[in-house]
Amino acid sequence: MTDPLADDPPLDPGFPATTPALTIESAGTDLLGVLHVPAGPGPHPVVVLLHGFPGNERNFDLAQALRRAGYAALVFHYRGSWGVGGAWSWAHVLEDAATVVSRLREPDLASAHRLDPGRVAVVGHSLGGFAALMTAAADPSIAAVASIAGFDFGTVAALIRDDPAHRTVYTEAFADSLGPLQGTSGEALVAEMEAAGDTWCLAGLAPLLADRPVLLIGTGRDDVTPSEVHHDPLVAAYRAHPVKRLHHEVLPTDHALSDHRVTLARTLLGFLARYL
């Protein structure tokens, strides 16, 4: 048996591994993605990888590990990011994630790339972790969901509401990361988060995720999504509901999991092997 973090899988001349570029339309804009298709006739389970804000870490290492383990893995860019048309917003991220999941289930695309539309998982990092949980909560057919150093927008909106000084901090932080994005500003992003308020609080998703496998990975050396703010309260809320197949841990690493990528991949692969 091969190790997906150390070994390449055997060649299948009839059904080789491929890496096609995908274009998926969302609200009139073509999203650009890369699909990592494993060798073999399939149909293969599918993992959609959602990157964060602005997307400096795109988790291609996870996509390759997933492919070697037999999963098809899609990495894509949202509207308004990294050369994709349209305007960036948090709501557009949620819309694009839902659209991509839906498109991967359509018979033409699934058949062309040997995908199993009945076995789809969503995995996200930071903003992507938020989007993964929100997308899974809105789509009961998603088989499993994982959030890695997820950013809880509802919790941050509450922090701003309780102490307006936080508004300046987040406005400046968002503004500093707009290089690969278009159509927004730090002020607009904070205002959108404030307007959504508690509707974007991840703890409130517990009833919608109660019967799904959920993996929450926190980061212990993280000043972007400190675990005591973004991870620990969410774990407590999901355990209390309960979310029956909740898995969670905190890794002693930074926001990008810079020195724990192998541990991250093994944790994710173990979770998906159990449920997907």
C-alpha atoms as a PDB file:
ATOM      1  CA  MET A   1       0.000   0.000   0.000  1.00  0.00           C
ATOM      2  CA  THR A   2       1.412   3.375  -1.017  1.00  0.00           C
ATOM      3  CA  ASP A   3       1.754   6.368   1.307  1.00  0.00           C
ATOM      4  CA  PRO A   4       0.098   9.391  -0.361  1.00  0.00           C
ATOM      5  CA  LEU A   5       2.593  11.693   1.333  1.00  0.00           C
ATOM      6  CA  ALA A   6       5.652   9.763   0.221  1.00  0.00           C
ATOM      7  CA  ASP A   7       4.872   7.572  -2.779  1.00  0.00           C
ATOM      8  CA  ASP A   8       3.497   8.064  -6.265  1.00  0.00           C
ATOM      9  CA  PRO A   9       0.649   5.682  -7.125  1.00  0.00           C
ATOM     10  CA  PRO A  10       1.055   3.044  -9.846  1.00  0.00           C
ATOM     11  CA  LEU A  11       0.493   4.124 -13.439  1.00  0.00           C
ATOM     12  CA  ASP A  12      -2.860   3.239 -14.966  1.00  0.00           C
ATOM     13  CA  PRO A  13      -2.351   3.496 -18.756  1.00  0.00           C
ATOM     14  CA  GLY A  14      -6.082   3.300 -19.433  1.00  0.00           C
ATOM     15  CA  PHE A  15      -7.056   5.933 -16.884  1.00  0.00           C
ATOM     16  CA  PRO A  16      -4.001   8.068 -16.066  1.00  0.00           C
ATOM     17  CA  ALA A  17      -3.936  10.889 -13.552  1.00  0.00           C
ATOM     18  CA  THR A  18      -4.661  14.257 -15.151  1.00  0.00           C
ATOM     19  CA  THR A  19      -4.629  17.925 -14.155  1.00  0.00           C
ATOM     20  CA  PRO A  20      -7.161  19.750 -16.328  1.00  0.00           C
ATOM     21  CA  ALA A  21      -7.868  23.439 -16.016  1.00  0.00           C
ATOM     22  CA  LEU A  22     -11.560  24.070 -15.340  1.00  0.00           C
ATOM     23  CA  THR A  23     -13.665  27.135 -16.010  1.00  0.00           C
ATOM     24  CA  ILE A  24     -16.886  27.323 -14.023  1.00  0.00           C
ATOM     25  CA  GLU A  25     -19.340  30.172 -14.547  1.00  0.00           C
ATOM     26  CA  SER A  26     -20.686  31.915 -11.469  1.00  0.00           C
ATOM     27  CA  ALA A  27     -23.071  34.863 -11.822  1.00  0.00           C
ATOM     28  CA  GLY A  28     -21.769  35.573 -15.320  1.00  0.00           C
ATOM     29  CA  THR A  29     -18.081  35.389 -14.374  1.00  0.00           C
ATOM     30  CA  ASP A  30     -15.745  32.549 -15.318  1.00  0.00           C
ATOM     31  CA  LEU A  31     -14.010  31.173 -12.239  1.00  0.00           C
ATOM     32  CA  LEU A  32     -10.614  29.616 -12.925  1.00  0.00           C
ATOM     33  CA  GLY A  33      -9.769  26.301 -11.334  1.00  0.00           C
ATOM     34  CA  VAL A  34      -7.432  23.319 -11.505  1.00  0.00           C
ATOM     35  CA  LEU A  35      -8.765  19.796 -11.020  1.00  0.00           C
ATOM     36  CA  HIS A  36      -6.435  17.062  -9.759  1.00  0.00           C
ATOM     37  CA  VAL A  37      -7.848  13.761 -11.056  1.00  0.00           C
ATOM     38  CA  PRO A  38      -6.417  10.474  -9.720  1.00  0.00           C
ATOM     39  CA  ALA A  39      -5.515   7.498 -11.842  1.00  0.00           C
ATOM     40  CA  GLY A  40      -8.091   4.766 -12.221  1.00  0.00           C
ATOM     41  CA  PRO A  41     -11.557   4.480 -13.751  1.00  0.00           C
ATOM     42  CA  GLY A  42     -13.331   5.951 -10.746  1.00  0.00           C
ATOM     43  CA  PRO A  43     -15.754   7.375 -10.110  1.00  0.00           C
ATOM     44  CA  HIS A  44     -13.589   9.226  -7.620  1.00  0.00           C
ATOM     45  CA  PRO A  45     -14.795  11.089  -4.529  1.00  0.00           C
ATOM     46  CA  VAL A  46     -14.319  14.835  -4.853  1.00  0.00           C
ATOM     47  CA  VAL A  47     -12.808  17.388  -2.465  1.00  0.00           C
ATOM     48  CA  VAL A  48     -13.314  21.108  -3.118  1.00  0.00           C
ATOM     49  CA  LEU A  49     -10.495  23.139  -1.551  1.00  0.00           C
ATOM     50  CA  LEU A  50     -11.471  26.710  -0.627  1.00  0.00           C
ATOM     51  CA  HIS A  51      -8.608  29.141  -0.149  1.00  0.00           C
ATOM     52  CA  GLY A  52      -8.589  32.051   2.227  1.00  0.00           C
ATOM     53  CA  PHE A  53      -8.210  35.823   2.006  1.00  0.00           C
ATOM     54  CA  PRO A  54      -6.613  36.869  -0.264  1.00  0.00           C
ATOM     55  CA  GLY A  55      -5.426  33.374  -1.215  1.00  0.00           C
ATOM     56  CA  ASN A  56      -1.659  33.404  -0.749  1.00  0.00           C
ATOM     57  CA  GLU A  57      -1.896  29.821   0.575  1.00  0.00           C
ATOM     58  CA  ARG A  58      -3.881  27.848  -1.980  1.00  0.00           C
ATOM     59  CA  ASN A  59      -3.289  24.356  -0.563  1.00  0.00           C
ATOM     60  CA  PHE A  60      -1.956  22.746  -3.716  1.00  0.00           C
ATOM     61  CA  ASP A  61       0.065  20.428  -1.493  1.00  0.00           C
ATOM     62  CA  LEU A  62      -3.198  19.116  -0.066  1.00  0.00           C
ATOM     63  CA  ALA A  63      -4.645  18.744  -3.565  1.00  0.00           C
ATOM     64  CA  GLN A  64      -1.717  16.594  -4.660  1.00  0.00           C
ATOM     65  CA  ALA A  65      -1.824  14.465  -1.503  1.00  0.00           C
ATOM     66  CA  LEU A  66      -5.555  13.991  -1.930  1.00  0.00           C
ATOM     67  CA  ARG A  67      -5.085  12.917  -5.527  1.00  0.00           C
ATOM     68  CA  ARG A  68      -2.420  10.367  -4.563  1.00  0.00           C
ATOM     69  CA  ALA A  69      -4.892   9.016  -2.003  1.00  0.00           C
ATOM     70  CA  GLY A  70      -7.572   8.553  -4.667  1.00  0.00           C
ATOM     71  CA  TYR A  71      -9.599  11.758  -4.335  1.00  0.00           C
ATOM     72  CA  ALA A  72     -10.209  14.280  -7.094  1.00  0.00           C
ATOM     73  CA  ALA A  73      -9.357  17.714  -5.709  1.00  0.00           C
ATOM     74  CA  LEU A  74     -10.346  21.107  -7.100  1.00  0.00           C
ATOM     75  CA  VAL A  75      -8.589  24.391  -6.315  1.00  0.00           C
ATOM     76  CA  PHE A  76     -10.194  27.523  -7.766  1.00  0.00           C
ATOM     77  CA  HIS A  77     -10.265  31.308  -7.439  1.00  0.00           C
ATOM     78  CA  TYR A  78     -13.331  33.306  -6.435  1.00  0.00           C
ATOM     79  CA  ARG A  79     -14.677  36.309  -8.287  1.00  0.00           C
ATOM     80  CA  GLY A  80     -12.481  39.371  -8.115  1.00  0.00           C
ATOM     81  CA  SER A  81      -9.328  37.476  -7.149  1.00  0.00           C
ATOM     82  CA  TRP A  82      -6.082  36.560  -8.877  1.00  0.00           C
ATOM     83  CA  GLY A  83      -7.126  37.727 -12.340  1.00  0.00           C
ATOM     84  CA  VAL A  84     -10.696  36.409 -12.242  1.00  0.00           C
ATOM     85  CA  GLY A  85     -13.285  38.996 -13.310  1.00  0.00           C
ATOM     86  CA  GLY A  86     -15.969  40.496 -11.136  1.00  0.00           C
ATOM     87  CA  ALA A  87     -15.737  42.103  -7.722  1.00  0.00           C
ATOM     88  CA  TRP A  88     -14.522  40.488  -4.527  1.00  0.00           C
ATOM     89  CA  SER A  89     -16.882  40.255  -1.572  1.00  0.00           C
ATOM     90  CA  TRP A  90     -17.526  37.791   1.233  1.00  0.00           C
ATOM     91  CA  ALA A  91     -20.984  37.058  -0.189  1.00  0.00           C
ATOM     92  CA  HIS A  92     -19.497  36.342  -3.621  1.00  0.00           C
ATOM     93  CA  VAL A  93     -17.143  33.817  -2.019  1.00  0.00           C
ATOM     94  CA  LEU A  94     -20.140  31.976  -0.559  1.00  0.00           C
ATOM     95  CA  GLU A  95     -22.043  32.120  -3.844  1.00  0.00           C
ATOM     96  CA  ASP A  96     -19.045  30.896  -5.835  1.00  0.00           C
ATOM     97  CA  ALA A  97     -18.368  27.998  -3.462  1.00  0.00           C
ATOM     98  CA  ALA A  98     -21.970  26.804  -3.719  1.00  0.00           C
ATOM     99  CA  THR A  99     -21.925  27.159  -7.518  1.00  0.00           C
ATOM    100  CA  VAL A 100     -18.715  25.155  -7.871  1.00  0.00           C
ATOM    101  CA  VAL A 101     -20.019  22.308  -5.710  1.00  0.00           C
ATOM    102  CA  SER A 102     -23.211  22.202  -7.751  1.00  0.00           C
ATOM    103  CA  ARG A 103     -21.347  22.232 -11.071  1.00  0.00           C
ATOM    104  CA  LEU A 104     -19.093  19.336 -10.078  1.00  0.00           C
ATOM    105  CA  ARG A 105     -22.195  17.193  -9.593  1.00  0.00           C
ATOM    106  CA  GLU A 106     -23.552  17.799 -13.085  1.00  0.00           C
ATOM    107  CA  PRO A 107     -23.423  14.634 -15.194  1.00  0.00           C
ATOM    108  CA  ASP A 108     -21.377  16.049 -18.080  1.00  0.00           C
ATOM    109  CA  LEU A 109     -18.526  17.314 -15.933  1.00  0.00           C
ATOM    110  CA  ALA A 110     -18.607  14.363 -13.521  1.00  0.00           C
ATOM    111  CA  SER A 111     -18.520  11.856 -16.368  1.00  0.00           C
ATOM    112  CA  ALA A 112     -15.756  13.688 -18.252  1.00  0.00           C
ATOM    113  CA  HIS A 113     -13.444  13.594 -15.221  1.00  0.00           C
ATOM    114  CA  ARG A 114     -14.506  10.310 -13.577  1.00  0.00           C
ATOM    115  CA  LEU A 115     -16.043  12.043 -10.533  1.00  0.00           C
ATOM    116  CA  ASP A 116     -18.552  10.626  -8.060  1.00  0.00           C
ATOM    117  CA  PRO A 117     -21.202  13.333  -7.566  1.00  0.00           C
ATOM    118  CA  GLY A 118     -22.561  11.470  -4.548  1.00  0.00           C
ATOM    119  CA  ARG A 119     -19.314  11.792  -2.585  1.00  0.00           C
ATOM    120  CA  VAL A 120     -18.346  15.457  -2.323  1.00  0.00           C
ATOM    121  CA  ALA A 121     -16.494  17.051   0.595  1.00  0.00           C
ATOM    122  CA  VAL A 122     -15.641  20.717   1.138  1.00  0.00           C
ATOM    123  CA  VAL A 123     -12.413  21.738   2.881  1.00  0.00           C
ATOM    124  CA  GLY A 124     -11.348  25.312   3.511  1.00  0.00           C
ATOM    125  CA  HIS A 125      -8.615  27.373   5.138  1.00  0.00           C
ATOM    126  CA  SER A 126      -9.263  30.634   7.040  1.00  0.00           C
ATOM    127  CA  LEU A 127     -11.980  32.467   5.051  1.00  0.00           C
ATOM    128  CA  GLY A 128     -12.248  29.180   3.171  1.00  0.00           C
ATOM    129  CA  GLY A 129     -12.965  27.366   6.420  1.00  0.00           C
ATOM    130  CA  PHE A 130     -15.832  29.748   7.084  1.00  0.00           C
ATOM    131  CA  ALA A 131     -17.081  29.241   3.524  1.00  0.00           C
ATOM    132  CA  ALA A 132     -16.754  25.459   3.791  1.00  0.00           C
ATOM    133  CA  LEU A 133     -18.935  25.297   6.910  1.00  0.00           C
ATOM    134  CA  MET A 134     -21.474  27.754   5.489  1.00  0.00           C
ATOM    135  CA  THR A 135     -21.633  25.866   2.185  1.00  0.00           C
ATOM    136  CA  ALA A 136     -22.075  22.485   3.861  1.00  0.00           C
ATOM    137  CA  ALA A 137     -24.746  23.846   6.189  1.00  0.00           C
ATOM    138  CA  ALA A 138     -26.727  25.098   3.181  1.00  0.00           C
ATOM    139  CA  ASP A 139     -26.279  21.885   1.172  1.00  0.00           C
ATOM    140  CA  PRO A 140     -27.220  18.667   3.004  1.00  0.00           C
ATOM    141  CA  SER A 141     -25.839  16.526   0.181  1.00  0.00           C
ATOM    142  CA  ILE A 142     -22.249  17.530   1.000  1.00  0.00           C
ATOM    143  CA  ALA A 143     -20.851  14.384   2.600  1.00  0.00           C
ATOM    144  CA  ALA A 144     -18.197  15.900   4.897  1.00  0.00           C
ATOM    145  CA  VAL A 145     -16.681  19.279   5.736  1.00  0.00           C
ATOM    146  CA  ALA A 146     -13.401  20.483   7.219  1.00  0.00           C
ATOM    147  CA  SER A 147     -12.376  23.927   8.434  1.00  0.00           C
ATOM    148  CA  ILE A 148      -8.678  24.693   8.907  1.00  0.00           C
ATOM    149  CA  ALA A 149      -7.903  27.808  10.976  1.00  0.00           C
ATOM    150  CA  GLY A 150     -11.388  28.990  10.062  1.00  0.00           C
ATOM    151  CA  PHE A 151     -12.284  32.667  10.386  1.00  0.00           C
ATOM    152  CA  ASP A 152     -15.594  33.177  12.196  1.00  0.00           C
ATOM    153  CA  PHE A 153     -17.085  36.326  10.670  1.00  0.00           C
ATOM    154  CA  GLY A 154     -20.039  36.413  13.041  1.00  0.00           C
ATOM    155  CA  THR A 155     -17.746  36.327  16.060  1.00  0.00           C
ATOM    156  CA  VAL A 156     -15.631  39.167  14.680  1.00  0.00           C
ATOM    157  CA  ALA A 157     -18.748  41.205  13.892  1.00  0.00           C
ATOM    158  CA  ALA A 158     -19.773  40.774  17.533  1.00  0.00           C
ATOM    159  CA  LEU A 159     -16.323  41.897  18.700  1.00  0.00           C
ATOM    160  CA  ILE A 160     -16.667  45.065  16.626  1.00  0.00           C
ATOM    161  CA  ARG A 161     -20.167  45.641  17.955  1.00  0.00           C
ATOM    162  CA  ASP A 162     -18.905  45.346  21.544  1.00  0.00           C
ATOM    163  CA  ASP A 163     -15.757  47.415  21.008  1.00  0.00           C
ATOM    164  CA  PRO A 164     -15.662  49.720  17.944  1.00  0.00           C
ATOM    165  CA  ALA A 165     -11.863  49.969  18.227  1.00  0.00           C
ATOM    166  CA  HIS A 166     -11.755  46.544  16.572  1.00  0.00           C
ATOM    167  CA  ARG A 167     -13.297  48.072  13.467  1.00  0.00           C
ATOM    168  CA  THR A 168     -10.144  50.037  12.677  1.00  0.00           C
ATOM    169  CA  VAL A 169      -7.958  46.991  13.274  1.00  0.00           C
ATOM    170  CA  TYR A 170      -9.890  44.826  10.827  1.00  0.00           C
ATOM    171  CA  THR A 171     -10.358  47.606   8.269  1.00  0.00           C
ATOM    172  CA  GLU A 172      -6.592  48.126   8.116  1.00  0.00           C
ATOM    173  CA  ALA A 173      -5.838  44.393   8.115  1.00  0.00           C
ATOM    174  CA  PHE A 174      -8.208  43.740   5.206  1.00  0.00           C
ATOM    175  CA  ALA A 175      -6.910  46.774   3.288  1.00  0.00           C
ATOM    176  CA  ASP A 176      -3.341  45.488   3.596  1.00  0.00           C
ATOM    177  CA  SER A 177      -4.228  42.257   1.743  1.00  0.00           C
ATOM    178  CA  LEU A 178      -6.052  43.625  -1.304  1.00  0.00           C
ATOM    179  CA  GLY A 179      -3.161  43.284  -3.802  1.00  0.00           C
ATOM    180  CA  PRO A 180      -4.538  40.284  -5.773  1.00  0.00           C
ATOM    181  CA  LEU A 181      -8.175  41.381  -5.361  1.00  0.00           C
ATOM    182  CA  GLN A 182     -10.385  43.904  -7.131  1.00  0.00           C
ATOM    183  CA  GLY A 183     -13.634  45.755  -6.602  1.00  0.00           C
ATOM    184  CA  THR A 184     -13.543  46.216  -2.839  1.00  0.00           C
ATOM    185  CA  SER A 185     -11.861  47.988   0.082  1.00  0.00           C
ATOM    186  CA  GLY A 186     -11.092  47.383   3.718  1.00  0.00           C
ATOM    187  CA  GLU A 187     -14.037  49.581   4.690  1.00  0.00           C
ATOM    188  CA  ALA A 188     -16.432  47.716   2.394  1.00  0.00           C
ATOM    189  CA  LEU A 189     -15.364  44.325   3.708  1.00  0.00           C
ATOM    190  CA  VAL A 190     -15.824  45.311   7.337  1.00  0.00           C
ATOM    191  CA  ALA A 191     -19.200  46.883   6.557  1.00  0.00           C
ATOM    192  CA  GLU A 192     -20.351  43.700   4.810  1.00  0.00           C
ATOM    193  CA  MET A 193     -19.279  41.609   7.804  1.00  0.00           C
ATOM    194  CA  GLU A 194     -21.078  43.947  10.208  1.00  0.00           C
ATOM    195  CA  ALA A 195     -24.249  43.876   8.114  1.00  0.00           C
ATOM    196  CA  ALA A 196     -24.292  40.068   8.125  1.00  0.00           C
ATOM    197  CA  GLY A 197     -23.752  40.013  11.882  1.00  0.00           C
ATOM    198  CA  ASP A 198     -24.945  36.906  13.685  1.00  0.00           C
ATOM    199  CA  THR A 199     -26.134  35.253  10.449  1.00  0.00           C
ATOM    200  CA  TRP A 200     -22.445  34.546   9.794  1.00  0.00           C
ATOM    201  CA  CYS A 201     -21.778  33.126  13.254  1.00  0.00           C
ATOM    202  CA  LEU A 202     -20.477  29.589  12.731  1.00  0.00           C
ATOM    203  CA  ALA A 203     -21.814  28.298  16.053  1.00  0.00           C
ATOM    204  CA  GLY A 204     -25.332  28.797  14.716  1.00  0.00           C
ATOM    205  CA  LEU A 205     -24.712  26.180  12.033  1.00  0.00           C
ATOM    206  CA  ALA A 206     -24.617  23.321  14.543  1.00  0.00           C
ATOM    207  CA  PRO A 207     -28.210  22.128  13.889  1.00  0.00           C
ATOM    208  CA  LEU A 208     -27.556  22.021  10.136  1.00  0.00           C
ATOM    209  CA  LEU A 209     -24.315  20.044  10.565  1.00  0.00           C
ATOM    210  CA  ALA A 210     -25.463  17.766  13.386  1.00  0.00           C
ATOM    211  CA  ASP A 211     -25.529  14.615  11.253  1.00  0.00           C
ATOM    212  CA  ARG A 212     -22.487  15.349   9.074  1.00  0.00           C
ATOM    213  CA  PRO A 213     -18.818  14.565   9.700  1.00  0.00           C
ATOM    214  CA  VAL A 214     -17.093  17.833  10.663  1.00  0.00           C
ATOM    215  CA  LEU A 215     -13.364  18.401  11.156  1.00  0.00           C
ATOM    216  CA  LEU A 216     -12.203  21.595  12.905  1.00  0.00           C
ATOM    217  CA  ILE A 217      -8.463  22.284  13.014  1.00  0.00           C
ATOM    218  CA  GLY A 218      -7.292  25.196  15.120  1.00  0.00           C
ATOM    219  CA  THR A 219      -3.866  26.820  15.173  1.00  0.00           C
ATOM    220  CA  GLY A 220      -2.086  27.543  18.436  1.00  0.00           C
ATOM    221  CA  ARG A 221       0.419  30.182  17.228  1.00  0.00           C
ATOM    222  CA  ASP A 222      -1.972  32.218  15.130  1.00  0.00           C
ATOM    223  CA  ASP A 223      -2.633  35.953  15.377  1.00  0.00           C
ATOM    224  CA  VAL A 224      -5.143  35.898  12.475  1.00  0.00           C
ATOM    225  CA  THR A 225      -7.570  33.305  13.843  1.00  0.00           C
ATOM    226  CA  PRO A 226      -6.427  32.744  17.433  1.00  0.00           C
ATOM    227  CA  SER A 227      -7.900  29.482  18.666  1.00  0.00           C
ATOM    228  CA  GLU A 228      -9.396  30.996  21.802  1.00  0.00           C
ATOM    229  CA  VAL A 229     -11.554  33.269  19.618  1.00  0.00           C
ATOM    230  CA  HIS A 230     -12.237  31.291  16.440  1.00  0.00           C
ATOM    231  CA  HIS A 231     -11.773  27.618  17.341  1.00  0.00           C
ATOM    232  CA  ASP A 232     -12.421  26.806  21.001  1.00  0.00           C
ATOM    233  CA  PRO A 233     -15.895  28.430  21.245  1.00  0.00           C
ATOM    234  CA  LEU A 234     -16.944  26.735  18.012  1.00  0.00           C
ATOM    235  CA  VAL A 235     -15.847  23.315  19.256  1.00  0.00           C
ATOM    236  CA  ALA A 236     -17.778  23.904  22.475  1.00  0.00           C
ATOM    237  CA  ALA A 237     -20.920  24.896  20.557  1.00  0.00           C
ATOM    238  CA  TYR A 238     -20.743  21.881  18.239  1.00  0.00           C
ATOM    239  CA  ARG A 239     -20.096  19.486  21.104  1.00  0.00           C
ATOM    240  CA  ALA A 240     -23.028  20.938  23.041  1.00  0.00           C
ATOM    241  CA  HIS A 241     -25.577  20.609  20.239  1.00  0.00           C
ATOM    242  CA  PRO A 242     -24.157  17.951  19.525  1.00  0.00           C
ATOM    243  CA  VAL A 243     -22.568  17.551  16.116  1.00  0.00           C
ATOM    244  CA  LYS A 244     -22.286  13.789  16.457  1.00  0.00           C
ATOM    245  CA  ARG A 245     -19.298  13.174  14.195  1.00  0.00           C
ATOM    246  CA  LEU A 246     -17.185  16.131  15.250  1.00  0.00           C
ATOM    247  CA  HIS A 247     -13.398  15.812  15.127  1.00  0.00           C
ATOM    248  CA  HIS A 248     -11.208  18.629  16.369  1.00  0.00           C
ATOM    249  CA  GLU A 249      -7.675  19.484  17.387  1.00  0.00           C
ATOM    250  CA  VAL A 250      -5.347  22.440  17.747  1.00  0.00           C
ATOM    251  CA  LEU A 251      -1.949  22.218  16.050  1.00  0.00           C
ATOM    252  CA  PRO A 252       0.936  24.278  17.491  1.00  0.00           C
ATOM    253  CA  THR A 253       1.555  26.295  14.332  1.00  0.00           C
ATOM    254  CA  ASP A 254       0.881  29.595  12.587  1.00  0.00           C
ATOM    255  CA  HIS A 255      -2.082  30.637  10.479  1.00  0.00           C
ATOM    256  CA  ALA A 256      -0.769  29.055   7.266  1.00  0.00           C
ATOM    257  CA  LEU A 257       0.267  25.897   9.152  1.00  0.00           C
ATOM    258  CA  SER A 258       3.699  26.603   7.722  1.00  0.00           C
ATOM    259  CA  ASP A 259       5.557  23.922   9.684  1.00  0.00           C
ATOM    260  CA  HIS A 260       2.679  21.432  10.001  1.00  0.00           C
ATOM    261  CA  ARG A 261       1.679  20.760   6.397  1.00  0.00           C
ATOM    262  CA  VAL A 262       2.408  17.022   6.583  1.00  0.00           C
ATOM    263  CA  THR A 263       0.515  16.705   9.865  1.00  0.00           C
ATOM    264  CA  LEU A 264      -2.333  18.679   8.320  1.00  0.00           C
ATOM    265  CA  ALA A 265      -2.451  16.408   5.275  1.00  0.00           C
ATOM    266  CA  ARG A 266      -2.389  13.245   7.380  1.00  0.00           C
ATOM    267  CA  THR A 267      -5.142  14.563   9.642  1.00  0.00           C
ATOM    268  CA  LEU A 268      -7.320  15.492   6.669  1.00  0.00           C
ATOM    269  CA  LEU A 269      -6.693  12.204   4.859  1.00  0.00           C
ATOM    270  CA  GLY A 270      -7.539  10.205   7.976  1.00  0.00           C
ATOM    271  CA  PHE A 271     -10.787  12.113   8.396  1.00  0.00           C
ATOM    272  CA  LEU A 272     -11.836  11.699   4.771  1.00  0.00           C
ATOM    273  CA  ALA A 273     -10.890   8.007   4.679  1.00  0.00           C
ATOM    274  CA  ARG A 274     -13.322   7.451   7.513  1.00  0.00           C
ATOM    275  CA  TYR A 275     -16.272   9.191   5.893  1.00  0.00           C
ATOM    276  CA  LEU A 276     -15.782   9.673   2.143  1.00  0.00           C
END
